[in-house]
Amino acid sequence: MSEPAPPLTILLASPRGFCAGVDRAIQIVEKALERFGAPVYVRHEIVHNRFVVESLEAKGAVFVEELDEVPDDRRPVIFSAHGVPKVVNTEAEGRGLFYVDATCPLVSKVHVEAERHFKAGRQVILIGHAGHPEVIGTLGQVPDGAMLLVENEAQAEAVAIEDPARLAFVTQTTLSIDDASHIIAILKRRFPEIAEPHKEDICYATTNRQASVKAIAKRCDALMVIGSPNSSNSRRLVEVATRQGCPKAVLVPRADEIDWESLKGVHTLGITAGASAPEVLVEEVIDAIKEHFSVTLETITTTAETVSFRLPRQLDEPAPVPKAG
């Protein structure tokens, strides 16, 4: 006779998973496929989640790294939710491509802020992570050298500014709130006249998901963040849980990547999902855990989200046919 499954309480963080910007970007690809047929080309991963990307590929989306990989100028091209440098728009227009920009409106807000500061003659500091697509896109809104990237507190202490009276900062939308606040505090101490965003750049979804992790982390023996390794907001959730005192906080892309050995002796498990991870992956993980444990599920809700974004109008228009060369 088999032994009974050990008991496990799962604390399910809410809100979790898809944010309005991710949901909008995925809808843009799906509606483009529905309206214009396959293939629809997408520059970079539309969002940072392999399950989402592979699901869209199965429907006819073709993901490319750069526009020169798009072989057919008659097919729609979509820019990812992370945003793109201005040179990408210029290249698309130069080729006569029909493109749809799926940049999250909250990232576009940062782009507008950066350009406004540049036109006002200010040096701009971008707080963010080098190499992340969102950071590359934001840096690309102004000429080279007009924006300085600051990644951490040490760099904030060291950054050299020519004219502190003409200085501003913007931030990546998916940062750790605590890390960003420490960096901002240093910049404000060093440069008291620095201009800051009218409204915080870190997006509502990043803020809410980090708050929901903080609400459960201290009660958990372990915490899983469902999300992809290249997802900035997902990695920040792991860091938040660790800093809140959770003994084991890990990033889990899919149920088949759960380390079952690490769950031995765990009585209370927290689960959340990054902003680009669909709820189906959360359900998949919980179902897998139920095969190993007798589960009691408790949802901990810290706030309700009602944000939504409109889809671009181009999706309601016919795709232009390029003139014969």
Protein backbone atom coordinates (compact mmCIF):
# COMPACT_ATOMS: atom_id res chain seq x y z
CA MET A 1 0.00 0.00 0.00
CA SER A 2 1.46 3.36 -1.07
CA GLU A 3 2.13 6.06 1.51
CA PRO A 4 -0.23 9.02 1.55
CA ALA A 5 0.99 12.14 -0.27
CA PRO A 6 2.59 14.67 2.08
CA PRO A 7 0.49 17.77 2.80
CA LEU A 8 1.44 21.05 1.12
CA THR A 9 -0.16 24.46 1.41
CA ILE A 10 0.18 26.58 -1.73
CA LEU A 11 -0.08 30.34 -1.29
CA LEU A 12 -1.07 31.64 -4.72
CA ALA A 13 -0.13 35.28 -5.19
CA SER A 14 -2.61 37.63 -6.84
CA PRO A 15 -2.17 39.60 -9.01
CA ARG A 16 0.22 37.50 -11.07
CA GLY A 17 0.88 36.67 -14.71
CA PHE A 18 -0.12 38.67 -17.76
CA CYS A 19 -0.16 42.45 -17.55
CA ALA A 20 -2.18 44.67 -19.90
CA GLY A 21 0.85 45.42 -22.10
CA VAL A 22 1.67 41.74 -22.63
CA ASP A 23 -1.97 40.87 -23.26
CA ARG A 24 -2.21 43.67 -25.83
CA ALA A 25 0.98 42.58 -27.64
CA ILE A 26 -0.20 38.99 -27.95
CA GLN A 27 -3.61 40.14 -29.16
CA ILE A 28 -1.89 42.27 -31.81
CA VAL A 29 -0.09 39.24 -33.25
CA GLU A 30 -3.21 37.08 -33.10
CA LYS A 31 -5.42 39.73 -34.73
CA ALA A 32 -2.83 40.38 -37.44
CA LEU A 33 -2.76 36.66 -38.24
CA GLU A 34 -6.55 36.56 -38.30
CA ARG A 35 -6.86 39.64 -40.51
CA PHE A 36 -3.91 39.27 -42.88
CA GLY A 37 -3.18 35.54 -42.72
CA ALA A 38 0.16 33.82 -42.19
CA PRO A 39 2.96 34.55 -42.13
CA VAL A 40 3.14 37.60 -39.91
CA TYR A 41 6.69 38.57 -38.97
CA VAL A 42 7.59 39.61 -35.43
CA ARG A 43 10.85 41.39 -34.60
CA HIS A 44 12.23 39.74 -31.45
CA GLU A 45 10.14 37.71 -29.02
CA ILE A 46 6.82 39.51 -28.71
CA VAL A 47 7.10 38.94 -24.95
CA HIS A 48 9.70 37.01 -22.96
CA ASN A 49 8.05 33.62 -22.71
CA ARG A 50 8.87 30.60 -24.86
CA PHE A 51 5.44 29.02 -24.41
CA VAL A 52 3.79 32.18 -25.79
CA VAL A 53 6.26 32.46 -28.65
CA GLU A 54 5.87 28.81 -29.65
CA SER A 55 2.07 29.08 -29.46
CA LEU A 56 2.15 32.04 -31.86
CA GLU A 57 4.61 30.26 -34.15
CA ALA A 58 2.13 27.39 -34.40
CA LYS A 59 -0.47 29.89 -35.62
CA GLY A 60 1.83 31.32 -38.32
CA ALA A 61 3.96 33.97 -36.66
CA VAL A 62 7.61 34.06 -37.76
CA PHE A 63 10.05 35.56 -35.27
CA VAL A 64 13.15 37.35 -36.56
CA GLU A 65 15.96 39.25 -34.86
CA GLU A 66 16.26 42.05 -37.42
CA LEU A 67 14.15 43.44 -40.27
CA ASP A 68 16.60 42.28 -42.95
CA GLU A 69 15.41 38.75 -42.13
CA VAL A 70 11.90 39.62 -43.39
CA PRO A 71 11.92 38.27 -46.97
CA ASP A 72 8.52 39.56 -48.12
CA ASP A 73 7.78 43.30 -47.95
CA ARG A 74 4.08 42.57 -48.49
CA ARG A 75 3.70 40.84 -45.14
CA PRO A 76 2.94 42.64 -41.85
CA VAL A 77 5.74 43.11 -39.34
CA ILE A 78 5.15 43.56 -35.61
CA PHE A 79 7.54 45.14 -33.12
CA SER A 80 7.72 43.53 -29.68
CA ALA A 81 6.20 44.83 -26.45
CA HIS A 82 9.65 45.91 -25.21
CA GLY A 83 9.95 48.75 -27.73
CA VAL A 84 12.52 49.45 -30.43
CA PRO A 85 15.12 52.13 -31.19
CA LYS A 86 14.00 54.81 -33.64
CA VAL A 87 16.34 53.45 -36.31
CA VAL A 88 14.13 50.36 -36.56
CA ASN A 89 11.08 52.48 -37.43
CA THR A 90 13.21 54.39 -39.95
CA GLU A 91 14.40 51.16 -41.56
CA ALA A 92 10.83 49.81 -41.77
CA GLU A 93 9.58 53.01 -43.37
CA GLY A 94 12.52 53.04 -45.79
CA ARG A 95 11.57 49.55 -46.99
CA GLY A 96 7.89 50.44 -47.18
CA LEU A 97 6.99 47.77 -44.65
CA PHE A 98 3.53 47.62 -43.14
CA TYR A 99 4.45 47.49 -39.47
CA VAL A 100 2.50 47.50 -36.24
CA ASP A 101 4.22 48.70 -33.08
CA ALA A 102 3.21 46.51 -30.12
CA THR A 103 5.34 48.48 -27.64
CA CYS A 104 3.65 48.56 -24.26
CA PRO A 105 2.08 52.03 -23.78
CA LEU A 106 3.88 52.31 -20.44
CA VAL A 107 7.22 51.77 -22.20
CA SER A 108 6.18 54.32 -24.84
CA LYS A 109 5.59 56.77 -21.97
CA VAL A 110 9.25 56.40 -20.97
CA HIS A 111 10.30 56.94 -24.61
CA VAL A 112 8.30 60.16 -24.75
CA GLU A 113 9.80 61.36 -21.45
CA ALA A 114 13.36 60.67 -22.61
CA GLU A 115 12.85 62.53 -25.88
CA ARG A 116 11.18 65.46 -24.10
CA HIS A 117 14.13 65.83 -21.74
CA PHE A 118 16.59 65.59 -24.64
CA LYS A 119 14.77 68.31 -26.59
CA ALA A 120 14.81 70.48 -23.46
CA GLY A 121 18.60 70.21 -23.41
CA ARG A 122 18.90 67.86 -20.44
CA GLN A 123 21.32 64.98 -19.99
CA VAL A 124 19.21 61.87 -19.36
CA ILE A 125 20.08 59.00 -17.03
CA LEU A 126 18.32 55.70 -17.71
CA ILE A 127 18.16 53.35 -14.73
CA GLY A 128 18.00 49.83 -16.14
CA HIS A 129 19.79 46.62 -17.12
CA ALA A 130 22.27 46.70 -20.00
CA GLY A 131 21.32 44.54 -22.95
CA HIS A 132 17.65 44.20 -22.10
CA PRO A 133 15.49 44.90 -25.19
CA GLU A 134 13.51 47.59 -23.36
CA VAL A 135 16.72 49.40 -22.40
CA ILE A 136 18.08 49.12 -25.96
CA GLY A 137 14.82 50.59 -27.26
CA THR A 138 14.79 53.45 -24.76
CA LEU A 139 18.44 54.35 -25.36
CA GLY A 140 17.61 54.41 -29.06
CA GLN A 141 15.07 57.21 -28.70
CA VAL A 142 17.81 59.84 -28.53
CA PRO A 143 21.21 60.29 -30.24
CA ASP A 144 24.17 58.28 -28.97
CA GLY A 145 25.62 59.78 -25.80
CA ALA A 146 22.52 61.78 -24.91
CA MET A 147 21.46 59.14 -22.38
CA LEU A 148 23.64 57.46 -19.75
CA LEU A 149 22.80 53.98 -18.41
CA VAL A 150 23.04 53.43 -14.66
CA GLU A 151 22.54 49.83 -13.50
CA ASN A 152 23.31 49.90 -9.78
CA GLU A 153 24.11 51.99 -6.72
CA ALA A 154 27.87 51.99 -7.38
CA GLN A 155 27.32 53.42 -10.84
CA ALA A 156 24.91 56.00 -9.43
CA GLU A 157 27.65 57.13 -7.05
CA ALA A 158 30.23 57.32 -9.82
CA VAL A 159 28.37 58.71 -12.85
CA ALA A 160 29.90 61.99 -14.06
CA ILE A 161 27.56 64.76 -15.21
CA GLU A 162 28.66 67.88 -17.09
CA ASP A 163 25.80 70.13 -15.98
CA PRO A 164 23.87 68.90 -12.89
CA ALA A 165 21.37 71.73 -13.38
CA ARG A 166 20.26 70.19 -16.68
CA LEU A 167 19.73 66.56 -15.73
CA ALA A 168 16.81 64.09 -15.70
CA PHE A 169 16.25 60.39 -15.15
CA VAL A 170 13.89 57.73 -16.47
CA THR A 171 13.73 54.04 -15.58
CA GLN A 172 13.14 50.66 -17.13
CA THR A 173 9.57 49.61 -16.35
CA THR A 174 10.39 46.16 -14.92
CA LEU A 175 12.96 46.99 -12.22
CA SER A 176 12.97 45.95 -8.60
CA ILE A 177 11.13 48.77 -6.85
CA ASP A 178 13.53 48.62 -3.90
CA ASP A 179 16.65 48.64 -6.09
CA ALA A 180 15.36 51.52 -8.18
CA SER A 181 14.43 53.57 -5.11
CA HIS A 182 17.96 53.17 -3.69
CA ILE A 183 19.54 54.27 -6.99
CA ILE A 184 17.14 57.21 -7.30
CA ALA A 185 17.93 58.29 -3.73
CA ILE A 186 21.64 58.43 -4.58
CA LEU A 187 21.02 60.45 -7.73
CA LYS A 188 18.82 62.90 -5.86
CA ARG A 189 21.44 63.30 -3.13
CA ARG A 190 24.22 63.90 -5.65
CA PHE A 191 22.12 65.99 -8.04
CA PRO A 192 19.36 67.79 -6.10
CA GLU A 193 18.03 69.51 -9.24
CA ILE A 194 17.54 66.28 -11.22
CA ALA A 195 14.18 66.14 -13.00
CA GLU A 196 12.12 63.03 -12.34
CA PRO A 197 9.11 61.44 -14.06
CA HIS A 198 5.73 63.06 -13.34
CA LYS A 199 4.51 59.53 -12.62
CA GLU A 200 6.78 56.63 -11.67
CA ASP A 201 8.12 54.75 -14.69
CA ILE A 202 8.10 51.30 -13.05
CA CYS A 203 4.83 49.91 -14.33
CA TYR A 204 1.76 49.09 -12.25
CA ALA A 205 2.07 45.36 -12.99
CA THR A 206 5.70 45.17 -11.84
CA THR A 207 4.74 47.06 -8.68
CA ASN A 208 1.70 44.89 -7.96
CA ARG A 209 3.46 41.57 -8.57
CA GLN A 210 6.34 42.50 -6.32
CA ALA A 211 3.89 43.61 -3.61
CA SER A 212 2.00 40.30 -3.84
CA VAL A 213 5.27 38.36 -3.42
CA LYS A 214 6.18 40.46 -0.39
CA ALA A 215 2.78 39.59 1.10
CA ILE A 216 3.46 35.83 1.06
CA ALA A 217 7.24 35.37 1.04
CA LYS A 218 7.77 35.32 4.81
CA ARG A 219 5.11 32.62 5.21
CA CYS A 220 6.72 30.31 2.64
CA ASP A 221 9.35 27.60 2.96
CA ALA A 222 9.87 27.96 -0.79
CA LEU A 223 8.50 30.12 -3.60
CA MET A 224 8.23 29.45 -7.34
CA VAL A 225 8.06 32.22 -9.92
CA ILE A 226 6.60 30.90 -13.17
CA GLY A 227 8.44 32.68 -15.96
CA SER A 228 11.23 32.54 -18.52
CA PRO A 229 14.90 33.08 -17.62
CA ASN A 230 15.11 36.10 -19.96
CA SER A 231 12.11 37.81 -18.32
CA SER A 232 13.35 40.77 -16.29
CA ASN A 233 10.20 41.16 -14.20
CA SER A 234 10.19 37.41 -13.39
CA ARG A 235 13.79 37.47 -12.19
CA ARG A 236 13.03 40.49 -10.02
CA LEU A 237 10.25 38.51 -8.30
CA VAL A 238 12.77 35.83 -7.30
CA GLU A 239 15.02 38.54 -5.86
CA VAL A 240 12.13 40.13 -3.97
CA ALA A 241 11.15 36.80 -2.38
CA THR A 242 14.74 36.11 -1.32
CA ARG A 243 15.13 39.56 0.23
CA GLN A 244 11.89 39.07 2.13
CA GLY A 245 13.37 36.03 3.83
CA CYS A 246 12.01 33.12 1.79
CA PRO A 247 14.61 30.31 2.12
CA LYS A 248 14.18 28.98 -1.43
CA ALA A 249 13.03 31.20 -4.30
CA VAL A 250 13.39 29.84 -7.84
CA LEU A 251 12.39 30.63 -11.40
CA VAL A 252 10.43 27.79 -13.04
CA PRO A 253 9.67 28.09 -16.78
CA ARG A 254 7.40 25.00 -17.01
CA ALA A 255 6.10 22.18 -14.81
CA ASP A 256 8.55 19.70 -16.35
CA GLU A 257 11.43 21.79 -14.97
CA ILE A 258 10.37 21.58 -11.32
CA ASP A 259 13.16 20.31 -9.06
CA TRP A 260 11.18 17.89 -6.91
CA GLU A 261 14.12 17.21 -4.59
CA SER A 262 14.09 20.88 -3.57
CA LEU A 263 10.49 20.53 -2.36
CA LYS A 264 11.29 17.83 0.19
CA GLY A 265 10.47 19.17 3.64
CA VAL A 266 8.53 22.12 2.22
CA HIS A 267 5.18 22.64 3.96
CA THR A 268 4.17 26.02 2.53
CA LEU A 269 4.93 26.89 -1.09
CA GLY A 270 4.36 30.28 -2.67
CA ILE A 271 3.54 30.50 -6.37
CA THR A 272 3.40 33.56 -8.60
CA ALA A 273 4.02 34.29 -12.29
CA GLY A 274 5.87 36.99 -14.15
CA ALA A 275 3.97 39.48 -16.30
CA SER A 276 4.72 37.56 -19.51
CA ALA A 277 3.72 34.11 -18.18
CA PRO A 278 0.22 32.88 -19.09
CA GLU A 279 -2.09 31.46 -16.43
CA VAL A 280 -2.12 28.08 -18.18
CA LEU A 281 1.48 27.59 -17.03
CA VAL A 282 0.49 28.30 -13.43
CA GLU A 283 -2.31 25.74 -13.70
CA GLU A 284 0.13 23.25 -15.25
CA VAL A 285 2.53 23.66 -12.31
CA ILE A 286 -0.22 23.29 -9.70
CA ASP A 287 -1.56 20.17 -11.42
CA ALA A 288 1.95 18.67 -11.41
CA ILE A 289 2.39 19.44 -7.71
CA LYS A 290 -0.94 17.77 -6.92
CA GLU A 291 0.49 14.54 -8.29
CA HIS A 292 3.15 14.63 -5.54
CA PHE A 293 1.40 16.34 -2.62
CA SER A 294 -1.97 16.63 -0.92
CA VAL A 295 -2.52 20.30 -1.74
CA THR A 296 -4.42 23.00 0.11
CA LEU A 297 -4.69 26.06 -2.12
CA GLU A 298 -4.99 29.56 -0.68
CA THR A 299 -5.11 32.67 -2.88
CA ILE A 300 -3.63 35.84 -1.37
CA THR A 301 -4.90 38.96 -3.16
CA THR A 302 -3.21 42.29 -2.54
CA THR A 303 -4.95 44.41 -5.18
CA ALA A 304 -7.36 44.20 -8.12
CA GLU A 305 -6.15 45.14 -11.60
CA THR A 306 -8.45 46.76 -14.15
CA VAL A 307 -5.94 48.23 -16.63
CA SER A 308 -6.43 47.56 -20.33
CA PHE A 309 -4.97 49.08 -23.50
CA ARG A 310 -6.54 49.61 -26.93
CA LEU A 311 -5.20 47.82 -29.96
CA PRO A 312 -3.56 49.86 -32.76
CA ARG A 313 -5.93 51.18 -35.42
CA GLN A 314 -3.79 49.67 -38.20
CA LEU A 315 -5.30 46.29 -37.39
CA ASP A 316 -8.64 47.56 -38.65
CA GLU A 317 -7.17 48.79 -41.93
CA PRO A 318 -6.15 46.82 -45.01
CA ALA A 319 -2.42 46.17 -45.31
CA PRO A 320 -0.96 48.37 -48.05
CA VAL A 321 0.45 46.55 -51.07
CA PRO A 322 3.94 47.77 -51.98
CA LYS A 323 4.35 49.17 -55.47
CA ALA A 324 6.10 46.93 -57.96
CA GLY A 325 9.81 47.71 -58.02
